[in-house]
């Protein structure tokens, strides 16, 4: 086969014991994102370019979709990564899905980072998102 293989997206699903507006504030405000992810200058504006202060330095992002309080999509960095947050109103709970896509070919070496392949970075970030969503974000939206 001559078809190019792509690296699988990361997908994390959970239900938070918090209403949708509290979860939206945590994932769609600069202060909220800083509390569980990374320092940033995010604004809720379609097309807004913002910066996340990652461990490898400042990373440029852009708001691609904004549908309050149900969906936020932004590009992350120069490699074509797309991060999607989807929220579902379950009354006093919120269904939450994170999708990190746009990985490209598994053996492609990602520029500007640790000099690793898409496959290696995807696998490391899959583990990272696991604890970020299920521990850090949960703690922010559900409290102690």
N, C-alpha and C. Protein backbone atom coordinates (compact mmCIF):
# COMPACT_ATOMS: atom_id res chain seq x y z
N UNK A 1 0.83 -1.19 0.00
CA UNK A 1 0.00 0.00 0.00
C UNK A 1 0.87 1.24 0.00
N UNK A 2 0.49 2.22 -0.80
CA UNK A 2 1.24 3.48 -0.81
C UNK A 2 0.56 4.53 0.05
N UNK A 3 -0.54 4.16 0.67
CA UNK A 3 -1.29 5.09 1.50
C UNK A 3 -0.46 5.45 2.73
N UNK A 4 -0.38 6.76 3.03
CA UNK A 4 0.38 7.21 4.18
C UNK A 4 -0.40 6.94 5.46
N UNK A 5 0.31 6.46 6.44
CA UNK A 5 -0.29 6.17 7.73
C UNK A 5 -0.27 7.43 8.57
N UNK A 6 -1.31 7.65 9.34
CA UNK A 6 -1.28 8.78 10.26
C UNK A 6 -1.32 8.26 11.69
N UNK A 7 -0.83 9.09 12.57
CA UNK A 7 -0.78 8.75 13.99
C UNK A 7 -2.17 8.92 14.56
N UNK A 8 -2.67 7.97 15.36
CA UNK A 8 -4.04 8.07 15.88
C UNK A 8 -4.23 9.27 16.82
N UNK A 9 -5.42 9.83 16.77
CA UNK A 9 -5.75 10.94 17.66
C UNK A 9 -5.79 10.45 19.10
N UNK A 10 -5.68 11.41 20.01
CA UNK A 10 -5.86 11.13 21.43
C UNK A 10 -7.29 11.52 21.76
N UNK A 11 -7.97 10.67 22.51
CA UNK A 11 -9.36 10.97 22.90
C UNK A 11 -9.53 10.59 24.36
N UNK A 12 -10.00 11.53 25.16
CA UNK A 12 -10.26 11.30 26.58
C UNK A 12 -11.71 11.68 26.87
N UNK A 13 -12.45 10.77 27.49
CA UNK A 13 -13.86 11.01 27.84
C UNK A 13 -14.03 10.84 29.34
N UNK A 14 -14.84 11.71 29.93
CA UNK A 14 -15.15 11.57 31.34
C UNK A 14 -16.44 12.33 31.65
N UNK A 15 -16.93 12.15 32.86
CA UNK A 15 -18.06 12.93 33.34
C UNK A 15 -17.60 13.63 34.61
N UNK A 16 -17.78 14.95 34.65
CA UNK A 16 -17.42 15.73 35.83
C UNK A 16 -18.66 15.99 36.67
N UNK A 17 -18.49 15.97 37.98
CA UNK A 17 -19.56 16.32 38.91
C UNK A 17 -19.58 17.83 39.08
N UNK A 18 -19.90 18.51 37.99
CA UNK A 18 -19.98 19.98 37.97
C UNK A 18 -20.87 20.37 36.80
N UNK A 19 -21.56 21.49 36.93
CA UNK A 19 -22.43 21.89 35.82
C UNK A 19 -21.60 22.41 34.64
N UNK A 20 -22.22 22.44 33.48
CA UNK A 20 -21.53 22.76 32.23
C UNK A 20 -20.88 24.15 32.26
N UNK A 21 -21.49 25.10 32.94
CA UNK A 21 -20.94 26.46 32.96
C UNK A 21 -19.64 26.52 33.76
N UNK A 22 -19.55 25.76 34.83
CA UNK A 22 -18.32 25.71 35.62
C UNK A 22 -17.20 25.06 34.81
N UNK A 23 -17.53 23.98 34.09
CA UNK A 23 -16.52 23.32 33.26
C UNK A 23 -16.10 24.24 32.12
N UNK A 24 -17.06 24.93 31.50
CA UNK A 24 -16.74 25.86 30.41
C UNK A 24 -15.78 26.95 30.90
N UNK A 25 -16.02 27.49 32.08
CA UNK A 25 -15.13 28.52 32.62
C UNK A 25 -13.71 27.98 32.80
N UNK A 26 -13.59 26.71 33.14
CA UNK A 26 -12.28 26.10 33.34
C UNK A 26 -11.54 25.85 32.04
N UNK A 27 -12.27 25.58 30.95
CA UNK A 27 -11.61 25.24 29.69
C UNK A 27 -11.60 26.37 28.68
N UNK A 28 -12.33 27.46 28.96
CA UNK A 28 -12.46 28.52 27.95
C UNK A 28 -12.21 29.91 28.52
N UNK A 29 -11.35 29.99 29.54
CA UNK A 29 -10.86 31.28 30.04
C UNK A 29 -9.37 31.12 30.30
N UNK A 30 -8.62 32.20 30.19
CA UNK A 30 -7.17 32.14 30.44
C UNK A 30 -6.89 31.66 31.86
N UNK A 31 -7.63 32.19 32.83
CA UNK A 31 -7.42 31.80 34.23
C UNK A 31 -7.75 30.32 34.43
N UNK A 32 -8.85 29.88 33.82
CA UNK A 32 -9.24 28.48 33.95
C UNK A 32 -8.20 27.54 33.36
N UNK A 33 -7.74 27.84 32.15
CA UNK A 33 -6.75 27.00 31.47
C UNK A 33 -5.44 26.96 32.27
N UNK A 34 -5.05 28.11 32.81
CA UNK A 34 -3.83 28.19 33.61
C UNK A 34 -3.92 27.30 34.85
N UNK A 35 -5.11 27.17 35.43
CA UNK A 35 -5.28 26.43 36.67
C UNK A 35 -5.04 24.92 36.52
N UNK A 36 -5.22 24.39 35.31
CA UNK A 36 -5.07 22.93 35.14
C UNK A 36 -4.14 22.53 34.00
N UNK A 37 -3.75 23.50 33.15
CA UNK A 37 -2.95 23.13 31.98
C UNK A 37 -1.64 23.89 31.93
N UNK A 38 -1.64 25.08 31.32
CA UNK A 38 -0.42 25.88 31.20
C UNK A 38 -0.77 27.36 31.18
N UNK A 39 0.18 28.21 31.58
CA UNK A 39 -0.03 29.66 31.47
C UNK A 39 -0.31 30.04 30.01
N UNK A 40 -1.18 31.04 29.81
CA UNK A 40 -1.64 31.37 28.47
C UNK A 40 -2.26 32.76 28.46
N UNK A 41 -2.56 33.26 27.24
CA UNK A 41 -3.28 34.53 27.12
C UNK A 41 -4.52 34.34 26.23
N UNK A 42 -5.22 33.23 26.46
CA UNK A 42 -6.43 32.87 25.71
C UNK A 42 -7.54 33.92 25.86
N UNK A 43 -8.28 34.13 24.79
CA UNK A 43 -9.52 34.93 24.83
C UNK A 43 -10.58 34.19 24.04
N UNK A 44 -11.84 34.29 24.50
CA UNK A 44 -12.97 33.65 23.82
C UNK A 44 -13.36 34.47 22.60
N UNK A 45 -12.53 34.41 21.55
CA UNK A 45 -12.81 35.10 20.30
C UNK A 45 -12.42 34.18 19.15
N UNK A 46 -13.35 33.95 18.24
CA UNK A 46 -13.08 33.15 17.06
C UNK A 46 -11.94 33.78 16.28
N UNK A 47 -10.92 33.00 15.93
CA UNK A 47 -9.78 33.49 15.18
C UNK A 47 -8.69 34.11 16.03
N UNK A 48 -8.92 34.22 17.34
CA UNK A 48 -7.93 34.84 18.23
C UNK A 48 -6.67 33.98 18.32
N UNK A 49 -5.51 34.61 18.15
CA UNK A 49 -4.24 33.91 18.31
C UNK A 49 -3.74 34.15 19.73
N UNK A 50 -3.43 33.06 20.41
CA UNK A 50 -2.95 33.15 21.78
C UNK A 50 -1.71 32.28 21.95
N UNK A 51 -1.06 32.42 23.08
CA UNK A 51 0.18 31.70 23.34
C UNK A 51 0.03 30.86 24.60
N UNK A 52 0.45 29.61 24.49
CA UNK A 52 0.55 28.72 25.65
C UNK A 52 2.03 28.65 26.00
N UNK A 53 2.34 28.80 27.27
CA UNK A 53 3.73 28.70 27.74
C UNK A 53 4.02 27.24 28.06
N UNK A 54 4.50 26.51 27.05
CA UNK A 54 4.75 25.08 27.23
C UNK A 54 6.16 24.86 27.81
N UNK A 55 6.46 23.63 28.23
CA UNK A 55 7.80 23.35 28.74
C UNK A 55 8.90 23.59 27.69
N UNK A 56 8.54 23.61 26.41
CA UNK A 56 9.52 23.83 25.34
C UNK A 56 9.51 25.27 24.86
N UNK A 57 8.84 26.16 25.61
CA UNK A 57 8.79 27.56 25.25
C UNK A 57 7.40 27.95 24.77
N UNK A 58 7.23 29.23 24.42
CA UNK A 58 5.93 29.72 23.99
C UNK A 58 5.46 29.02 22.72
N UNK A 59 4.18 28.62 22.71
CA UNK A 59 3.60 27.95 21.55
C UNK A 59 2.38 28.73 21.08
N UNK A 60 2.34 29.06 19.80
CA UNK A 60 1.23 29.82 19.24
C UNK A 60 0.04 28.91 18.96
N UNK A 61 -1.14 29.39 19.34
CA UNK A 61 -2.39 28.67 19.13
C UNK A 61 -3.40 29.64 18.51
N UNK A 62 -4.47 29.08 17.94
CA UNK A 62 -5.50 29.92 17.33
C UNK A 62 -6.87 29.28 17.56
N UNK A 63 -7.84 30.10 17.99
CA UNK A 63 -9.20 29.61 18.20
C UNK A 63 -9.85 29.36 16.84
N UNK A 64 -10.23 28.11 16.57
CA UNK A 64 -10.82 27.72 15.29
C UNK A 64 -12.33 27.59 15.35
N UNK A 65 -12.86 27.13 16.49
CA UNK A 65 -14.30 27.00 16.70
C UNK A 65 -14.61 27.40 18.13
N UNK A 66 -15.74 28.08 18.31
CA UNK A 66 -16.14 28.52 19.63
C UNK A 66 -17.66 28.49 19.70
N UNK A 67 -18.18 27.55 20.47
CA UNK A 67 -19.63 27.40 20.61
C UNK A 67 -19.93 27.24 22.10
N UNK A 68 -20.04 28.38 22.79
CA UNK A 68 -20.24 28.38 24.23
C UNK A 68 -21.61 27.82 24.59
N UNK A 69 -21.71 26.97 25.58
CA UNK A 69 -20.67 26.33 26.40
C UNK A 69 -20.42 24.89 25.99
N UNK A 70 -20.47 24.59 24.70
CA UNK A 70 -20.41 23.19 24.26
C UNK A 70 -19.15 22.76 23.52
N UNK A 71 -18.45 23.70 22.87
CA UNK A 71 -17.34 23.26 22.02
C UNK A 71 -16.30 24.37 21.85
N UNK A 72 -15.05 23.99 22.04
CA UNK A 72 -13.91 24.87 21.79
C UNK A 72 -12.89 24.06 21.01
N UNK A 73 -12.42 24.63 19.89
CA UNK A 73 -11.40 23.98 19.08
C UNK A 73 -10.29 25.00 18.82
N UNK A 74 -9.04 24.58 19.03
CA UNK A 74 -7.92 25.48 18.70
C UNK A 74 -6.76 24.70 18.10
N UNK A 75 -6.00 25.40 17.25
CA UNK A 75 -4.77 24.83 16.72
C UNK A 75 -3.70 25.02 17.79
N UNK A 76 -2.71 24.13 17.79
CA UNK A 76 -1.65 24.20 18.78
C UNK A 76 -0.32 23.99 18.07
N UNK A 77 0.47 25.05 17.98
CA UNK A 77 1.80 24.96 17.40
C UNK A 77 1.79 24.92 15.88
N UNK A 78 2.95 24.57 15.33
CA UNK A 78 3.18 24.62 13.88
C UNK A 78 3.05 23.26 13.20
N UNK A 79 2.79 22.21 13.97
CA UNK A 79 2.77 20.86 13.40
C UNK A 79 1.40 20.42 12.88
N UNK A 80 0.38 21.26 13.04
CA UNK A 80 -0.95 20.90 12.59
C UNK A 80 -1.82 20.26 13.65
N UNK A 81 -1.38 20.34 14.92
CA UNK A 81 -2.18 19.77 16.00
C UNK A 81 -3.45 20.56 16.21
N UNK A 82 -4.53 19.85 16.49
CA UNK A 82 -5.82 20.45 16.79
C UNK A 82 -6.30 19.87 18.12
N UNK A 83 -6.69 20.76 19.05
CA UNK A 83 -7.22 20.33 20.33
C UNK A 83 -8.70 20.73 20.38
N UNK A 84 -9.55 19.77 20.68
CA UNK A 84 -11.00 19.99 20.75
C UNK A 84 -11.49 19.63 22.14
N UNK A 85 -12.29 20.52 22.72
CA UNK A 85 -12.98 20.24 23.97
C UNK A 85 -14.47 20.24 23.66
N UNK A 86 -15.16 19.13 23.96
CA UNK A 86 -16.61 19.04 23.77
C UNK A 86 -17.27 18.81 25.12
N UNK A 87 -18.32 19.59 25.40
CA UNK A 87 -19.04 19.48 26.66
C UNK A 87 -20.49 19.11 26.40
N UNK A 88 -21.03 18.23 27.23
CA UNK A 88 -22.43 17.83 27.13
C UNK A 88 -23.10 18.11 28.47
N UNK A 89 -24.20 18.85 28.44
CA UNK A 89 -24.93 19.22 29.64
C UNK A 89 -25.71 18.01 30.16
N UNK A 90 -25.35 17.54 31.36
CA UNK A 90 -26.03 16.40 31.98
C UNK A 90 -26.69 16.84 33.28
N UNK A 91 -27.20 18.08 33.29
CA UNK A 91 -27.83 18.61 34.50
C UNK A 91 -26.79 19.12 35.46
N UNK A 92 -26.63 18.44 36.60
CA UNK A 92 -25.61 18.86 37.57
C UNK A 92 -24.25 18.21 37.29
N UNK A 93 -24.17 17.51 36.16
CA UNK A 93 -22.90 16.92 35.72
C UNK A 93 -22.63 17.36 34.28
N UNK A 94 -21.38 17.14 33.83
CA UNK A 94 -21.00 17.52 32.48
C UNK A 94 -20.20 16.40 31.84
N UNK A 95 -20.65 15.96 30.67
CA UNK A 95 -19.86 15.03 29.88
C UNK A 95 -18.76 15.82 29.19
N UNK A 96 -17.53 15.33 29.24
CA UNK A 96 -16.38 16.05 28.69
C UNK A 96 -15.59 15.12 27.78
N UNK A 97 -15.27 15.61 26.58
CA UNK A 97 -14.41 14.88 25.66
C UNK A 97 -13.30 15.79 25.20
N UNK A 98 -12.07 15.30 25.28
CA UNK A 98 -10.91 15.98 24.72
C UNK A 98 -10.44 15.17 23.52
N UNK A 99 -10.17 15.85 22.42
CA UNK A 99 -9.61 15.19 21.23
C UNK A 99 -8.38 15.98 20.82
N UNK A 100 -7.24 15.31 20.73
CA UNK A 100 -5.99 15.93 20.26
C UNK A 100 -5.64 15.22 18.96
N UNK A 101 -5.84 15.92 17.85
CA UNK A 101 -5.68 15.31 16.52
C UNK A 101 -4.65 16.10 15.70
N UNK A 102 -4.50 15.69 14.43
CA UNK A 102 -3.60 16.38 13.52
C UNK A 102 -2.15 15.96 13.64
N UNK A 103 -1.93 14.69 13.97
CA UNK A 103 -0.58 14.21 14.26
C UNK A 103 0.30 13.95 13.04
N UNK A 104 -0.28 13.65 11.89
CA UNK A 104 0.56 13.36 10.73
C UNK A 104 1.18 11.98 10.79
N UNK A 105 2.26 11.78 10.03
CA UNK A 105 2.89 10.47 9.92
C UNK A 105 3.63 10.09 11.21
N UNK A 106 3.51 8.82 11.63
CA UNK A 106 4.11 8.39 12.91
C UNK A 106 5.61 8.65 13.02
N UNK A 107 6.37 8.50 11.93
CA UNK A 107 7.83 8.62 12.00
C UNK A 107 8.34 10.04 11.75
N UNK A 108 7.44 10.98 11.45
CA UNK A 108 7.85 12.37 11.23
C UNK A 108 8.44 12.94 12.53
N UNK A 109 9.62 13.57 12.44
CA UNK A 109 10.25 14.18 13.61
C UNK A 109 9.66 15.58 13.79
N UNK A 110 9.14 15.83 14.97
CA UNK A 110 8.49 17.10 15.28
C UNK A 110 9.55 18.17 15.52
N UNK A 111 9.41 19.28 14.80
CA UNK A 111 10.36 20.39 14.92
C UNK A 111 10.10 21.20 16.19
N UNK A 112 11.13 21.83 16.70
CA UNK A 112 10.97 22.77 17.81
C UNK A 112 10.69 22.14 19.15
N UNK A 113 10.78 20.84 19.21
CA UNK A 113 10.52 20.16 20.48
C UNK A 113 11.72 19.33 20.89
N UNK A 114 11.47 18.16 21.42
CA UNK A 114 12.56 17.32 21.92
C UNK A 114 13.22 16.45 20.85
N UNK A 115 12.93 16.70 19.56
CA UNK A 115 13.53 15.91 18.49
C UNK A 115 13.00 14.50 18.42
N UNK A 116 11.72 14.32 18.74
CA UNK A 116 11.12 13.00 18.72
C UNK A 116 10.07 12.91 17.62
N UNK A 117 9.67 11.67 17.31
CA UNK A 117 8.68 11.44 16.27
C UNK A 117 7.27 11.73 16.77
N UNK A 118 6.35 11.91 15.81
CA UNK A 118 4.93 12.07 16.15
C UNK A 118 4.46 10.94 17.06
N UNK A 119 4.84 9.70 16.72
CA UNK A 119 4.42 8.54 17.50
C UNK A 119 4.87 8.68 18.96
N UNK A 120 6.15 9.01 19.17
CA UNK A 120 6.69 9.12 20.52
C UNK A 120 6.02 10.25 21.30
N UNK A 121 5.88 11.40 20.67
CA UNK A 121 5.27 12.55 21.36
C UNK A 121 3.80 12.27 21.62
N UNK A 122 3.11 11.68 20.65
CA UNK A 122 1.69 11.35 20.82
C UNK A 122 1.50 10.41 22.02
N UNK A 123 2.35 9.40 22.11
CA UNK A 123 2.22 8.44 23.20
C UNK A 123 2.50 9.10 24.55
N UNK A 124 3.52 9.96 24.61
CA UNK A 124 3.82 10.66 25.85
C UNK A 124 2.68 11.62 26.21
N UNK A 125 2.15 12.33 25.21
CA UNK A 125 1.07 13.27 25.47
C UNK A 125 -0.23 12.56 25.81
N UNK A 126 -0.43 11.35 25.27
CA UNK A 126 -1.61 10.57 25.64
C UNK A 126 -1.61 10.31 27.15
N UNK A 127 -0.44 9.92 27.68
CA UNK A 127 -0.33 9.71 29.12
C UNK A 127 -0.52 11.03 29.87
N UNK A 128 0.06 12.10 29.34
CA UNK A 128 -0.08 13.41 29.97
C UNK A 128 -1.52 13.87 30.03
N UNK A 129 -2.24 13.76 28.90
CA UNK A 129 -3.65 14.16 28.88
C UNK A 129 -4.47 13.34 29.86
N UNK A 130 -4.10 12.07 30.03
CA UNK A 130 -4.82 11.19 30.97
C UNK A 130 -4.85 11.83 32.36
N UNK A 131 -3.67 12.20 32.86
CA UNK A 131 -3.63 12.79 34.20
C UNK A 131 -4.14 14.22 34.21
N UNK A 132 -3.92 14.96 33.14
CA UNK A 132 -4.40 16.34 33.09
C UNK A 132 -5.92 16.38 33.16
N UNK A 133 -6.60 15.55 32.35
CA UNK A 133 -8.07 15.55 32.32
C UNK A 133 -8.65 14.92 33.58
N UNK A 134 -8.17 13.72 33.92
CA UNK A 134 -8.80 12.95 35.00
C UNK A 134 -8.38 13.38 36.40
N UNK A 135 -7.26 14.09 36.52
CA UNK A 135 -6.83 14.54 37.84
C UNK A 135 -6.85 16.06 37.96
N UNK A 136 -6.04 16.75 37.15
CA UNK A 136 -5.91 18.21 37.29
C UNK A 136 -7.20 18.95 36.95
N UNK A 137 -7.78 18.69 35.79
CA UNK A 137 -9.01 19.39 35.40
C UNK A 137 -10.16 18.99 36.33
N UNK A 138 -10.24 17.71 36.67
CA UNK A 138 -11.29 17.26 37.60
C UNK A 138 -11.19 18.01 38.92
N UNK A 139 -10.00 18.18 39.45
CA UNK A 139 -9.82 18.87 40.72
C UNK A 139 -10.29 20.33 40.60
N UNK A 140 -9.98 20.97 39.47
CA UNK A 140 -10.40 22.37 39.27
C UNK A 140 -11.92 22.49 39.21
N UNK A 141 -12.59 21.61 38.47
CA UNK A 141 -14.05 21.78 38.29
C UNK A 141 -14.88 21.17 39.42
N UNK A 142 -14.33 20.17 40.09
CA UNK A 142 -15.10 19.52 41.16
C UNK A 142 -14.70 20.02 42.55
N UNK A 143 -13.58 20.73 42.65
CA UNK A 143 -13.11 21.19 43.95
C UNK A 143 -12.50 20.05 44.74
N UNK A 144 -12.21 20.33 45.95
CA UNK A 144 -11.54 19.33 46.81
C UNK A 144 -12.49 18.22 47.20
